[in-house]
Every structure is written in structure tokens, then in C-alpha cells.
Amino acid sequence: MAISDAELEEYKRKFHTWLTAEVGLTAEMVKSLQEPSDDWTFIIKIHALLEVALNHMVAGRLRHKELNEIVERLSIAGKTGKIAFAEAFGLLSKESVKFVRLISEVRRNLVHDIKHFDFDLYRYLMNLDKNKQEEWKAALTFNLGSSVHQSLRDFSITFPQFSIFQATMTIMSYSFHAQPIRPLELYQSYLRRAAEKHSESNPKE
């Protein structure tokens, strides 16, 4: 079923409202991720955003606000980590999990050695062996569907900041979809649609 431009705009509006009001991700923060000063800072910020996405994703599915603080204290990885919960709930695909784990792997290496302050993401990816590069390509293009053209897969590691940002925002959209619909919002939506339907069937002369 095709999505109309109006439906897409409404989704974008709700998503960005949620990002600002619930997550705290402002337009300035988004700009800093799209125009990062250096790769070290970029990876640290991206990892922090992914962790926030997982927090909201798991807490949203649990549907008990009193558990939010407990979820936030969980590690990302491990058999009882946030990724494990997200996978168990069916909130993350195998490919998206791989993306989060690869970013976590890089972030862990960066923060544990001061020599990595001048980290170059492009150079890092280009120096990987072919198998590892293919792993990254699959992870960076998980949000483009099941059959991704090789040119787009190659593009993903040639311009890694762009690809990582887009993949991260996709994870954040998964988190948005995991949030429970508030009864009041659902009822307001019903009233709005009923009013629109009535207006369409009874146009003014």
C-alpha cells in the first residue's frame, strides 16, 4: 500500500516531536551529527544516541515507566543487555543488531586508548580486510531493504558518517514505533478522523 505525501509528513511531524519532547534530541544536536567536527566525537555521540534509542525501545515495549531507570542501567551487550531485550521483543533485525554491535566495538576501542583521538573513520574502514568490510557494508545498509545494490553498499563505507547517521536514525525510528499509544492520543486521532470524514461527506456549498 502506497504512502501518501500527507501521511509521510504527518509521520515525520510526530517522529520529530517525539525526538524533541521525549528523547531530548534537538535540531542543534542533529546538526552536530550531520556536520561532525571529528570522527572520534562523532562515534562517541552516535553510540550515546544508540544507547538512548535502546533505552526508549525496551522501556516503551515494557510499558511500565517505573522500569525506565532499571533499563537505563543495563549494559548494551550481553545475554541480559538492552540488545538482548530488543531482540527478544522482535524490535531489532539481525542486521540492525550487527550495526549497533559494530559501532559499540569501535567506540570501546576509542575510549580505552588516548592514541585514538585523531581517529579517521574512512581510513579505519578502508584498512579492514575484505570480509570485515563486507560485514560493515551489510550493517550500514540494513535500513535500505533486503536487496541493496553493490554501488550503495560500496558508498556506505566511502561516506561512512552519512551512512552511520542514517542507520542510527532508523534505529531511533524503531524506538519510536515501540512506544505505546496513549489512550488520549488514540481517542483524539479517532475524533479528528471522524470530523474529517464528516467534513468530506458534507462539503459547504
N, C-alpha and C. Protein backbone atom coordinates (compact mmCIF):
# COMPACT_ATOMS: atom_id res chain seq x y z
N MET A 1 0.84 -1.20 0.00
CA MET A 1 0.00 0.00 0.00
C MET A 1 0.88 1.25 0.00
N ALA A 2 0.64 2.11 -0.97
CA ALA A 2 1.45 3.32 -1.11
C ALA A 2 1.15 4.31 0.00
N ILE A 3 2.19 5.01 0.42
CA ILE A 3 2.05 6.02 1.46
C ILE A 3 1.95 7.39 0.80
N SER A 4 0.92 8.13 1.13
CA SER A 4 0.72 9.44 0.53
C SER A 4 1.71 10.45 1.13
N ASP A 5 1.91 11.56 0.43
CA ASP A 5 2.80 12.61 0.93
C ASP A 5 2.29 13.16 2.26
N ALA A 6 0.96 13.26 2.39
CA ALA A 6 0.36 13.79 3.62
C ALA A 6 0.64 12.85 4.80
N GLU A 7 0.52 11.55 4.57
CA GLU A 7 0.79 10.57 5.62
C GLU A 7 2.26 10.61 6.03
N LEU A 8 3.14 10.76 5.03
CA LEU A 8 4.57 10.83 5.32
C LEU A 8 4.90 12.06 6.14
N GLU A 9 4.33 13.18 5.79
CA GLU A 9 4.58 14.43 6.51
C GLU A 9 4.06 14.34 7.95
N GLU A 10 2.89 13.68 8.13
CA GLU A 10 2.33 13.52 9.47
C GLU A 10 3.22 12.63 10.33
N TYR A 11 3.74 11.57 9.71
CA TYR A 11 4.66 10.68 10.43
C TYR A 11 5.92 11.44 10.85
N LYS A 12 6.50 12.19 9.92
CA LYS A 12 7.72 12.95 10.21
C LYS A 12 7.47 13.95 11.33
N ARG A 13 6.30 14.58 11.31
CA ARG A 13 5.98 15.56 12.34
C ARG A 13 5.92 14.89 13.72
N LYS A 14 5.23 13.76 13.79
CA LYS A 14 5.10 13.05 15.07
C LYS A 14 6.46 12.52 15.55
N PHE A 15 7.24 12.00 14.61
CA PHE A 15 8.54 11.45 14.95
C PHE A 15 9.46 12.52 15.51
N HIS A 16 9.53 13.67 14.83
CA HIS A 16 10.43 14.74 15.28
C HIS A 16 9.93 15.39 16.57
N THR A 17 8.61 15.42 16.75
CA THR A 17 8.06 15.92 18.02
C THR A 17 8.48 15.00 19.16
N TRP A 18 8.41 13.69 18.93
CA TRP A 18 8.81 12.71 19.95
C TRP A 18 10.30 12.82 20.23
N LEU A 19 11.11 12.98 19.19
CA LEU A 19 12.56 13.10 19.37
C LEU A 19 12.90 14.28 20.28
N THR A 20 12.21 15.38 20.09
CA THR A 20 12.49 16.58 20.88
C THR A 20 11.91 16.47 22.29
N ALA A 21 10.62 16.10 22.38
CA ALA A 21 9.92 16.11 23.66
C ALA A 21 10.32 14.95 24.58
N GLU A 22 10.46 13.76 24.03
CA GLU A 22 10.71 12.58 24.85
C GLU A 22 12.20 12.20 24.94
N VAL A 23 12.89 12.29 23.80
CA VAL A 23 14.30 11.88 23.76
C VAL A 23 15.22 13.04 24.13
N GLY A 24 14.80 14.26 23.78
CA GLY A 24 15.64 15.43 24.05
C GLY A 24 16.62 15.73 22.95
N LEU A 25 16.39 15.17 21.77
CA LEU A 25 17.28 15.39 20.63
C LEU A 25 16.83 16.63 19.87
N THR A 26 17.57 17.71 20.03
CA THR A 26 17.22 18.98 19.40
C THR A 26 17.77 19.06 17.98
N ALA A 27 17.30 20.07 17.25
CA ALA A 27 17.78 20.29 15.89
C ALA A 27 19.27 20.58 15.87
N GLU A 28 19.76 21.27 16.92
CA GLU A 28 21.18 21.59 17.01
C GLU A 28 22.01 20.31 17.19
N MET A 29 21.49 19.38 17.98
CA MET A 29 22.19 18.11 18.19
C MET A 29 22.24 17.30 16.89
N VAL A 30 21.14 17.30 16.17
CA VAL A 30 21.10 16.58 14.90
C VAL A 30 22.11 17.17 13.93
N LYS A 31 22.18 18.51 13.89
CA LYS A 31 23.13 19.17 13.00
C LYS A 31 24.56 18.81 13.36
N SER A 32 24.86 18.67 14.65
CA SER A 32 26.22 18.33 15.08
C SER A 32 26.59 16.91 14.65
N LEU A 33 25.60 16.05 14.46
CA LEU A 33 25.84 14.69 13.98
C LEU A 33 25.97 14.65 12.46
N GLN A 34 25.30 15.56 11.80
CA GLN A 34 25.38 15.61 10.33
C GLN A 34 26.60 16.37 9.85
N GLU A 35 27.12 17.24 10.72
CA GLU A 35 28.31 18.02 10.39
C GLU A 35 29.32 17.91 11.53
N PRO A 36 29.81 16.71 11.81
CA PRO A 36 30.72 16.50 12.95
C PRO A 36 32.07 17.15 12.74
N SER A 37 32.67 17.56 13.85
CA SER A 37 33.99 18.20 13.79
C SER A 37 35.10 17.17 13.59
N ASP A 38 34.92 15.97 14.15
CA ASP A 38 35.92 14.93 14.00
C ASP A 38 35.26 13.57 14.20
N ASP A 39 35.92 12.53 13.73
CA ASP A 39 35.33 11.19 13.77
C ASP A 39 35.27 10.61 15.17
N TRP A 40 36.23 10.95 16.04
CA TRP A 40 36.21 10.44 17.41
C TRP A 40 34.95 10.90 18.12
N THR A 41 34.68 12.20 18.06
CA THR A 41 33.50 12.77 18.70
C THR A 41 32.23 12.21 18.07
N PHE A 42 32.25 12.05 16.76
CA PHE A 42 31.08 11.54 16.03
C PHE A 42 30.69 10.16 16.54
N ILE A 43 31.64 9.26 16.65
CA ILE A 43 31.36 7.89 17.11
C ILE A 43 30.85 7.89 18.54
N ILE A 44 31.45 8.70 19.41
CA ILE A 44 31.01 8.76 20.80
C ILE A 44 29.56 9.24 20.88
N LYS A 45 29.23 10.28 20.10
CA LYS A 45 27.86 10.81 20.11
C LYS A 45 26.87 9.80 19.53
N ILE A 46 27.27 9.15 18.44
CA ILE A 46 26.39 8.17 17.81
C ILE A 46 26.11 7.01 18.76
N HIS A 47 27.14 6.56 19.44
CA HIS A 47 26.95 5.45 20.38
C HIS A 47 26.01 5.86 21.51
N ALA A 48 26.16 7.08 21.99
CA ALA A 48 25.29 7.58 23.05
C ALA A 48 23.84 7.64 22.57
N LEU A 49 23.65 8.06 21.32
CA LEU A 49 22.30 8.13 20.76
C LEU A 49 21.70 6.74 20.59
N LEU A 50 22.51 5.79 20.17
CA LEU A 50 22.03 4.42 20.03
C LEU A 50 21.60 3.85 21.38
N GLU A 51 22.37 4.17 22.42
CA GLU A 51 22.01 3.69 23.75
C GLU A 51 20.69 4.30 24.21
N VAL A 52 20.50 5.57 23.93
CA VAL A 52 19.24 6.24 24.28
C VAL A 52 18.09 5.59 23.50
N ALA A 53 18.32 5.29 22.23
CA ALA A 53 17.29 4.64 21.41
C ALA A 53 16.90 3.30 22.01
N LEU A 54 17.88 2.52 22.44
CA LEU A 54 17.61 1.22 23.05
C LEU A 54 16.87 1.37 24.37
N ASN A 55 17.23 2.39 25.14
CA ASN A 55 16.53 2.65 26.41
C ASN A 55 15.04 2.85 26.16
N HIS A 56 14.72 3.75 25.22
CA HIS A 56 13.32 4.06 24.93
C HIS A 56 12.62 2.88 24.26
N MET A 57 13.36 2.14 23.46
CA MET A 57 12.80 0.99 22.75
C MET A 57 12.33 -0.08 23.73
N VAL A 58 13.23 -0.47 24.62
CA VAL A 58 12.91 -1.54 25.59
C VAL A 58 11.89 -1.06 26.60
N ALA A 59 12.09 0.15 27.15
CA ALA A 59 11.16 0.69 28.13
C ALA A 59 9.78 0.89 27.53
N GLY A 60 9.74 1.30 26.26
CA GLY A 60 8.46 1.50 25.59
C GLY A 60 7.69 0.21 25.45
N ARG A 61 8.37 -0.87 25.13
CA ARG A 61 7.71 -2.16 24.98
C ARG A 61 7.28 -2.72 26.34
N LEU A 62 8.06 -2.47 27.40
CA LEU A 62 7.70 -2.95 28.73
C LEU A 62 6.46 -2.24 29.28
N ARG A 63 6.25 -0.98 28.83
CA ARG A 63 5.05 -0.22 29.17
C ARG A 63 4.86 0.05 30.67
N HIS A 64 5.97 0.14 31.37
CA HIS A 64 5.92 0.50 32.79
C HIS A 64 7.01 1.53 33.06
N LYS A 65 6.62 2.78 33.25
CA LYS A 65 7.59 3.85 33.42
C LYS A 65 8.50 3.63 34.62
N GLU A 66 7.99 2.91 35.62
CA GLU A 66 8.80 2.68 36.81
C GLU A 66 10.01 1.79 36.52
N LEU A 67 10.03 1.15 35.35
CA LEU A 67 11.15 0.30 34.96
C LEU A 67 12.20 1.04 34.14
N ASN A 68 11.91 2.28 33.77
CA ASN A 68 12.81 3.03 32.89
C ASN A 68 14.22 3.14 33.45
N GLU A 69 14.33 3.46 34.73
CA GLU A 69 15.66 3.64 35.33
C GLU A 69 16.43 2.33 35.34
N ILE A 70 15.73 1.22 35.55
CA ILE A 70 16.38 -0.09 35.54
C ILE A 70 16.91 -0.39 34.14
N VAL A 71 16.11 -0.10 33.12
CA VAL A 71 16.51 -0.34 31.74
C VAL A 71 17.75 0.49 31.40
N GLU A 72 17.77 1.74 31.83
CA GLU A 72 18.90 2.63 31.54
C GLU A 72 20.21 2.10 32.12
N ARG A 73 20.13 1.37 33.23
CA ARG A 73 21.33 0.87 33.89
C ARG A 73 21.85 -0.43 33.29
N LEU A 74 21.08 -1.04 32.41
CA LEU A 74 21.52 -2.27 31.77
C LEU A 74 22.67 -1.98 30.81
N SER A 75 23.55 -2.95 30.61
CA SER A 75 24.59 -2.80 29.60
C SER A 75 23.96 -2.94 28.23
N ILE A 76 24.65 -2.51 27.20
CA ILE A 76 24.12 -2.66 25.85
C ILE A 76 24.19 -4.11 25.40
N ALA A 77 25.36 -4.71 25.55
CA ALA A 77 25.58 -6.08 25.07
C ALA A 77 25.36 -7.10 26.18
N GLY A 78 25.59 -8.37 25.85
CA GLY A 78 25.45 -9.44 26.83
C GLY A 78 24.09 -10.10 26.78
N LYS A 79 23.99 -11.25 27.43
CA LYS A 79 22.77 -12.03 27.40
C LYS A 79 21.60 -11.35 28.12
N THR A 80 21.90 -10.40 29.00
CA THR A 80 20.85 -9.68 29.71
C THR A 80 20.94 -8.17 29.44
N GLY A 81 21.53 -7.82 28.30
CA GLY A 81 21.68 -6.42 27.93
C GLY A 81 20.50 -5.89 27.14
N LYS A 82 20.58 -4.63 26.78
CA LYS A 82 19.49 -3.96 26.07
C LYS A 82 19.25 -4.57 24.69
N ILE A 83 20.33 -4.94 24.00
CA ILE A 83 20.18 -5.55 22.68
C ILE A 83 19.43 -6.88 22.81
N ALA A 84 19.75 -7.65 23.84
CA ALA A 84 19.10 -8.94 24.05
C ALA A 84 17.60 -8.76 24.26
N PHE A 85 17.23 -7.74 25.04
CA PHE A 85 15.81 -7.45 25.26
C PHE A 85 15.13 -7.03 23.95
N ALA A 86 15.80 -6.15 23.20
CA ALA A 86 15.23 -5.66 21.94
C ALA A 86 15.04 -6.81 20.95
N GLU A 87 16.00 -7.72 20.89
CA GLU A 87 15.89 -8.88 20.01
C GLU A 87 14.75 -9.79 20.46
N ALA A 88 14.64 -10.04 21.77
CA ALA A 88 13.60 -10.92 22.29
C ALA A 88 12.21 -10.38 22.00
N PHE A 89 12.07 -9.05 22.02
CA PHE A 89 10.79 -8.42 21.73
C PHE A 89 10.54 -8.29 20.22
N GLY A 90 11.53 -8.65 19.40
CA GLY A 90 11.39 -8.53 17.96
C GLY A 90 11.46 -7.10 17.47
N LEU A 91 12.19 -6.27 18.20
CA LEU A 91 12.27 -4.85 17.85
C LEU A 91 13.45 -4.53 16.94
N LEU A 92 14.43 -5.42 16.89
CA LEU A 92 15.61 -5.20 16.05
C LEU A 92 15.84 -6.42 15.15
N SER A 93 16.19 -6.15 13.91
CA SER A 93 16.53 -7.23 12.98
C SER A 93 17.97 -7.67 13.23
N LYS A 94 18.33 -8.80 12.67
CA LYS A 94 19.69 -9.32 12.80
C LYS A 94 20.70 -8.31 12.27
N GLU A 95 20.37 -7.66 11.14
CA GLU A 95 21.29 -6.71 10.51
C GLU A 95 21.44 -5.44 11.35
N SER A 96 20.34 -4.98 11.93
CA SER A 96 20.42 -3.76 12.75
C SER A 96 21.19 -4.02 14.05
N VAL A 97 21.06 -5.23 14.58
CA VAL A 97 21.83 -5.60 15.76
C VAL A 97 23.32 -5.58 15.43
N LYS A 98 23.67 -6.10 14.26
CA LYS A 98 25.07 -6.08 13.84
C LYS A 98 25.59 -4.65 13.76
N PHE A 99 24.79 -3.74 13.26
CA PHE A 99 25.19 -2.34 13.18
C PHE A 99 25.51 -1.78 14.57
N VAL A 100 24.60 -1.99 15.53
CA VAL A 100 24.81 -1.48 16.88
C VAL A 100 26.07 -2.07 17.49
N ARG A 101 26.29 -3.36 17.28
CA ARG A 101 27.46 -4.02 17.86
C ARG A 101 28.76 -3.54 17.23
N LEU A 102 28.76 -3.26 15.94
CA LEU A 102 29.98 -2.76 15.29
C LEU A 102 30.32 -1.36 15.80
N ILE A 103 29.30 -0.51 15.95
CA ILE A 103 29.54 0.83 16.48
C ILE A 103 30.05 0.73 17.91
N SER A 104 29.48 -0.17 18.70
CA SER A 104 29.91 -0.36 20.08
C SER A 104 31.36 -0.83 20.15
N GLU A 105 31.73 -1.69 19.21
CA GLU A 105 33.09 -2.21 19.14
C GLU A 105 34.09 -1.09 18.87
N VAL A 106 33.77 -0.23 17.92
CA VAL A 106 34.65 0.89 17.60
C VAL A 106 34.73 1.87 18.77
N ARG A 107 33.59 2.17 19.33
CA ARG A 107 33.53 3.11 20.46
C ARG A 107 34.37 2.61 21.63
N ARG A 108 34.28 1.33 21.92
CA ARG A 108 35.05 0.74 23.03
C ARG A 108 36.54 0.91 22.79
N ASN A 109 36.99 0.70 21.57
CA ASN A 109 38.41 0.86 21.25
C ASN A 109 38.85 2.32 21.37
N LEU A 110 37.98 3.24 21.00
CA LEU A 110 38.34 4.66 21.03
C LEU A 110 38.51 5.19 22.44
N VAL A 111 37.60 4.82 23.33
CA VAL A 111 37.62 5.40 24.68
C VAL A 111 38.68 4.77 25.58
N HIS A 112 39.23 3.64 25.17
CA HIS A 112 40.20 2.96 26.02
C HIS A 112 41.66 3.23 25.64
N ASP A 113 41.85 4.10 24.65
CA ASP A 113 43.22 4.41 24.23
C ASP A 113 43.27 5.85 23.72
N ILE A 114 44.01 6.70 24.42
CA ILE A 114 44.10 8.12 24.07
C ILE A 114 44.71 8.34 22.68
N LYS A 115 45.44 7.34 22.17
CA LYS A 115 46.06 7.47 20.85
C LYS A 115 45.03 7.58 19.74
N HIS A 116 43.77 7.25 20.05
CA HIS A 116 42.72 7.26 19.03
C HIS A 116 41.99 8.60 18.90
N PHE A 117 42.48 9.64 19.57
CA PHE A 117 41.82 10.93 19.49
C PHE A 117 41.75 11.45 18.06
N ASP A 118 42.73 11.07 17.22
CA ASP A 118 42.74 11.52 15.83
C ASP A 118 42.17 10.44 14.90
N PHE A 119 41.27 9.64 15.43
CA PHE A 119 40.65 8.54 14.70
C PHE A 119 40.04 9.01 13.38
N ASP A 120 40.36 8.28 12.30
CA ASP A 120 39.84 8.57 10.98
C ASP A 120 38.94 7.40 10.56
N LEU A 121 37.64 7.63 10.51
CA LEU A 121 36.67 6.57 10.24
C LEU A 121 36.84 5.96 8.85
N TYR A 122 37.04 6.82 7.85
CA TYR A 122 37.21 6.34 6.48
C TYR A 122 38.45 5.46 6.38
N ARG A 123 39.55 5.93 6.93
CA ARG A 123 40.80 5.17 6.88
C ARG A 123 40.66 3.84 7.62
N TYR A 124 39.96 3.88 8.75
CA TYR A 124 39.73 2.66 9.52
C TYR A 124 39.00 1.62 8.68
N LEU A 125 37.95 2.03 8.00
CA LEU A 125 37.16 1.09 7.19
C LEU A 125 37.94 0.60 5.97
N MET A 126 38.71 1.49 5.37
CA MET A 126 39.48 1.11 4.19
C MET A 126 40.60 0.13 4.52
N ASN A 127 41.06 0.13 5.75
CA ASN A 127 42.16 -0.75 6.15
C ASN A 127 41.68 -2.12 6.65
N LEU A 128 40.39 -2.31 6.72
CA LEU A 128 39.85 -3.60 7.15
C LEU A 128 40.02 -4.63 6.04
N ASP A 129 40.07 -5.90 6.39
CA ASP A 129 40.13 -6.93 5.35
C ASP A 129 38.77 -7.02 4.66
N LYS A 130 38.73 -7.67 3.52
CA LYS A 130 37.54 -7.69 2.68
C LYS A 130 36.32 -8.23 3.42
N ASN A 131 36.49 -9.30 4.18
CA ASN A 131 35.35 -9.89 4.90
C ASN A 131 34.76 -8.93 5.92
N LYS A 132 35.64 -8.23 6.64
CA LYS A 132 35.18 -7.26 7.64
C LYS A 132 34.51 -6.07 6.96
N GLN A 133 35.05 -5.65 5.81
CA GLN A 133 34.43 -4.56 5.07
C GLN A 133 33.02 -4.94 4.64
N GLU A 134 32.85 -6.17 4.16
CA GLU A 134 31.53 -6.62 3.72
C GLU A 134 30.56 -6.67 4.90
N GLU A 135 31.09 -7.01 6.06
CA GLU A 135 30.26 -7.03 7.27
C GLU A 135 29.76 -5.63 7.58
N TRP A 136 30.65 -4.65 7.47
CA TRP A 136 30.27 -3.26 7.69
C TRP A 136 29.27 -2.78 6.64
N LYS A 137 29.50 -3.14 5.40
CA LYS A 137 28.58 -2.72 4.33
C LYS A 137 27.17 -3.22 4.58
N ALA A 138 27.06 -4.48 5.00
CA ALA A 138 25.74 -5.05 5.30
C ALA A 138 25.09 -4.33 6.48
N ALA A 139 25.90 -4.02 7.49
CA ALA A 139 25.38 -3.35 8.68
C ALA A 139 24.96 -1.91 8.38
N LEU A 140 25.73 -1.23 7.55
CA LEU A 140 25.45 0.18 7.26
C LEU A 140 24.30 0.38 6.27
N THR A 141 23.87 -0.69 5.63
CA THR A 141 22.78 -0.57 4.65
C THR A 141 21.56 -1.39 5.05
N PHE A 142 21.48 -1.81 6.31
CA PHE A 142 20.34 -2.63 6.74
C PHE A 142 19.02 -1.90 6.55
N ASN A 143 19.06 -0.57 6.63
CA ASN A 143 17.86 0.24 6.54
C ASN A 143 17.40 0.48 5.10
N LEU A 144 18.11 -0.07 4.11
CA LEU A 144 17.76 0.14 2.70
C LEU A 144 17.01 -1.05 2.10
N GLY A 145 16.72 -2.04 2.91
CA GLY A 145 15.97 -3.20 2.41
C GLY A 145 16.84 -4.43 2.27
N SER A 146 16.24 -5.50 1.76
CA SER A 146 16.93 -6.79 1.68
C SER A 146 17.87 -6.91 0.49
N SER A 147 17.54 -6.26 -0.61
CA SER A 147 18.39 -6.34 -1.80
C SER A 147 18.98 -4.97 -2.10
N VAL A 148 20.18 -4.77 -1.65
CA VAL A 148 20.84 -3.47 -1.81
C VAL A 148 21.89 -3.57 -2.91
N HIS A 149 21.83 -2.66 -3.87
CA HIS A 149 22.78 -2.66 -4.98
C HIS A 149 24.20 -2.48 -4.46
N GLN A 150 25.14 -3.11 -5.13
CA GLN A 150 26.54 -3.07 -4.69
C GLN A 150 27.08 -1.65 -4.64
N SER A 151 26.62 -0.79 -5.52
CA SER A 151 27.10 0.59 -5.51
C SER A 151 26.73 1.30 -4.21
N LEU A 152 25.55 1.01 -3.67
CA LEU A 152 25.13 1.61 -2.41
C LEU A 152 25.90 1.00 -1.24
N ARG A 153 26.19 -0.30 -1.34
CA ARG A 153 26.99 -0.94 -0.30
C ARG A 153 28.39 -0.35 -0.25
N ASP A 154 28.97 -0.12 -1.43
CA ASP A 154 30.30 0.49 -1.50
C ASP A 154 30.27 1.93 -0.99
N PHE A 155 29.20 2.64 -1.35
CA PHE A 155 29.04 4.03 -0.92
C PHE A 155 29.04 4.14 0.61
N SER A 156 28.45 3.14 1.27
CA SER A 156 28.27 3.19 2.72
C SER A 156 29.59 3.30 3.48
N ILE A 157 30.66 2.71 2.97
CA ILE A 157 31.94 2.82 3.68
C ILE A 157 32.83 3.91 3.07
N THR A 158 32.44 4.40 1.91
CA THR A 158 33.17 5.53 1.31
C THR A 158 32.77 6.83 1.99
N PHE A 159 31.50 6.92 2.37
CA PHE A 159 30.98 8.08 3.11
C PHE A 159 30.33 7.56 4.39
N PRO A 160 31.15 7.07 5.32
CA PRO A 160 30.62 6.37 6.50
C PRO A 160 29.82 7.24 7.46
N GLN A 161 30.18 8.52 7.61
CA GLN A 161 29.43 9.36 8.54
C GLN A 161 27.97 9.47 8.11
N PHE A 162 27.75 9.69 6.84
CA PHE A 162 26.38 9.80 6.31
C PHE A 162 25.62 8.50 6.56
N SER A 163 26.24 7.37 6.22
CA SER A 163 25.58 6.07 6.35
C SER A 163 25.29 5.73 7.81
N ILE A 164 26.23 6.02 8.68
CA ILE A 164 26.06 5.73 10.10
C ILE A 164 24.94 6.58 10.69
N PHE A 165 24.90 7.86 10.32
CA PHE A 165 23.84 8.73 10.82
C PHE A 165 22.47 8.23 10.38
N GLN A 166 22.33 7.88 9.09
CA GLN A 166 21.04 7.40 8.58
C GLN A 166 20.63 6.11 9.27
N ALA A 167 21.57 5.21 9.47
CA ALA A 167 21.26 3.93 10.13
C ALA A 167 20.86 4.17 11.58
N THR A 168 21.53 5.12 12.24
CA THR A 168 21.22 5.43 13.63
C THR A 168 19.81 6.01 13.76
N MET A 169 19.44 6.89 12.85
CA MET A 169 18.09 7.47 12.88
C MET A 169 17.04 6.40 12.58
N THR A 170 17.41 5.39 11.82
CA THR A 170 16.48 4.28 11.58
C THR A 170 16.25 3.51 12.88
N ILE A 171 17.33 3.26 13.63
CA ILE A 171 17.20 2.62 14.94
C ILE A 171 16.30 3.46 15.85
N MET A 172 16.48 4.77 15.78
CA MET A 172 15.65 5.65 16.59
C MET A 172 14.19 5.57 16.17
N SER A 173 13.93 5.40 14.88
CA SER A 173 12.55 5.26 14.42
C SER A 173 11.94 3.95 14.92
N TYR A 174 12.76 2.91 15.03
CA TYR A 174 12.29 1.65 15.62
C TYR A 174 11.86 1.90 17.07
N SER A 175 12.63 2.71 17.76
CA SER A 175 12.32 3.05 19.15
C SER A 175 10.99 3.79 19.22
N PHE A 176 10.79 4.70 18.30
CA PHE A 176 9.54 5.47 18.23
C PHE A 176 8.34 4.55 18.05
N HIS A 177 8.49 3.56 17.18
CA HIS A 177 7.39 2.62 16.92
C HIS A 177 7.12 1.70 18.10
N ALA A 178 8.10 1.54 18.99
CA ALA A 178 7.92 0.67 20.15
C ALA A 178 7.15 1.35 21.27
N GLN A 179 6.93 2.66 21.15
CA GLN A 179 6.25 3.38 22.21
C GLN A 179 4.76 3.06 22.23
N PRO A 180 4.19 2.90 23.41
CA PRO A 180 2.74 2.63 23.50
C PRO A 180 1.95 3.85 23.07
N ILE A 181 0.84 3.62 22.41
CA ILE A 181 -0.04 4.73 22.02
C ILE A 181 -0.86 5.14 23.23
N ARG A 182 -0.77 6.40 23.61
CA ARG A 182 -1.52 6.86 24.75
C ARG A 182 -3.01 6.88 24.43
N PRO A 183 -3.87 6.44 25.35
CA PRO A 183 -5.32 6.41 25.10
C PRO A 183 -5.89 7.75 24.64
N LEU A 184 -5.43 8.84 25.26
CA LEU A 184 -5.94 10.16 24.88
C LEU A 184 -5.58 10.47 23.44
N GLU A 185 -4.34 10.19 23.06
CA GLU A 185 -3.90 10.46 21.68
C GLU A 185 -4.71 9.61 20.70
N LEU A 186 -4.95 8.35 21.07
CA LEU A 186 -5.73 7.46 20.21
C LEU A 186 -7.14 8.00 20.03
N TYR A 187 -7.74 8.46 21.13
CA TYR A 187 -9.10 8.97 21.07
C TYR A 187 -9.15 10.28 20.27
N GLN A 188 -8.16 11.13 20.47
CA GLN A 188 -8.11 12.38 19.72
C GLN A 188 -7.96 12.10 18.22
N SER A 189 -7.15 11.08 17.89
CA SER A 189 -6.98 10.70 16.50
C SER A 189 -8.30 10.23 15.91
N TYR A 190 -9.04 9.46 16.70
CA TYR A 190 -10.35 8.96 16.25
C TYR A 190 -11.31 10.11 16.00
N LEU A 191 -11.34 11.07 16.92
CA LEU A 191 -12.23 12.22 16.77
C LEU A 191 -11.86 13.06 15.55
N ARG A 192 -10.55 13.24 15.34
CA ARG A 192 -10.09 14.04 14.21
C ARG A 192 -10.48 13.39 12.88
N ARG A 193 -10.28 12.07 12.79
CA ARG A 193 -10.63 11.36 11.56
C ARG A 193 -12.13 11.37 11.32
N ALA A 194 -12.90 11.24 12.40
CA ALA A 194 -14.35 11.27 12.27
C ALA A 194 -14.82 12.64 11.76
N ALA A 195 -14.19 13.70 12.30
CA ALA A 195 -14.54 15.05 11.88
C ALA A 195 -14.16 15.28 10.43
N GLU A 196 -12.99 14.79 10.02
CA GLU A 196 -12.54 14.95 8.64
C GLU A 196 -13.47 14.20 7.68
N LYS A 197 -13.86 12.99 8.09
CA LYS A 197 -14.76 12.19 7.25
C LYS A 197 -16.11 12.86 7.10
N HIS A 198 -16.61 13.43 8.20
CA HIS A 198 -17.89 14.13 8.17
C HIS A 198 -17.81 15.36 7.28
N SER A 199 -16.68 16.07 7.38
CA SER A 199 -16.49 17.28 6.58
C SER A 199 -16.43 16.96 5.09
N GLU A 200 -15.79 15.84 4.75
CA GLU A 200 -15.66 15.44 3.34
C GLU A 200 -17.01 15.02 2.76
N SER A 201 -17.83 14.40 3.59
CA SER A 201 -19.13 13.91 3.09
C SER A 201 -20.20 14.99 3.11
N ASN A 202 -19.89 16.11 3.80
CA ASN A 202 -20.85 17.21 3.87
C ASN A 202 -20.16 18.53 3.54
N PRO A 203 -19.72 18.67 2.29
CA PRO A 203 -18.99 19.90 1.91
C PRO A 203 -19.89 21.11 1.93
N LYS A 204 -19.27 22.27 2.21
CA LYS A 204 -20.04 23.51 2.18
C LYS A 204 -20.38 23.86 0.74
N GLU A 205 -21.57 24.43 0.55
CA GLU A 205 -21.96 24.85 -0.79
C GLU A 205 -21.33 26.20 -1.13
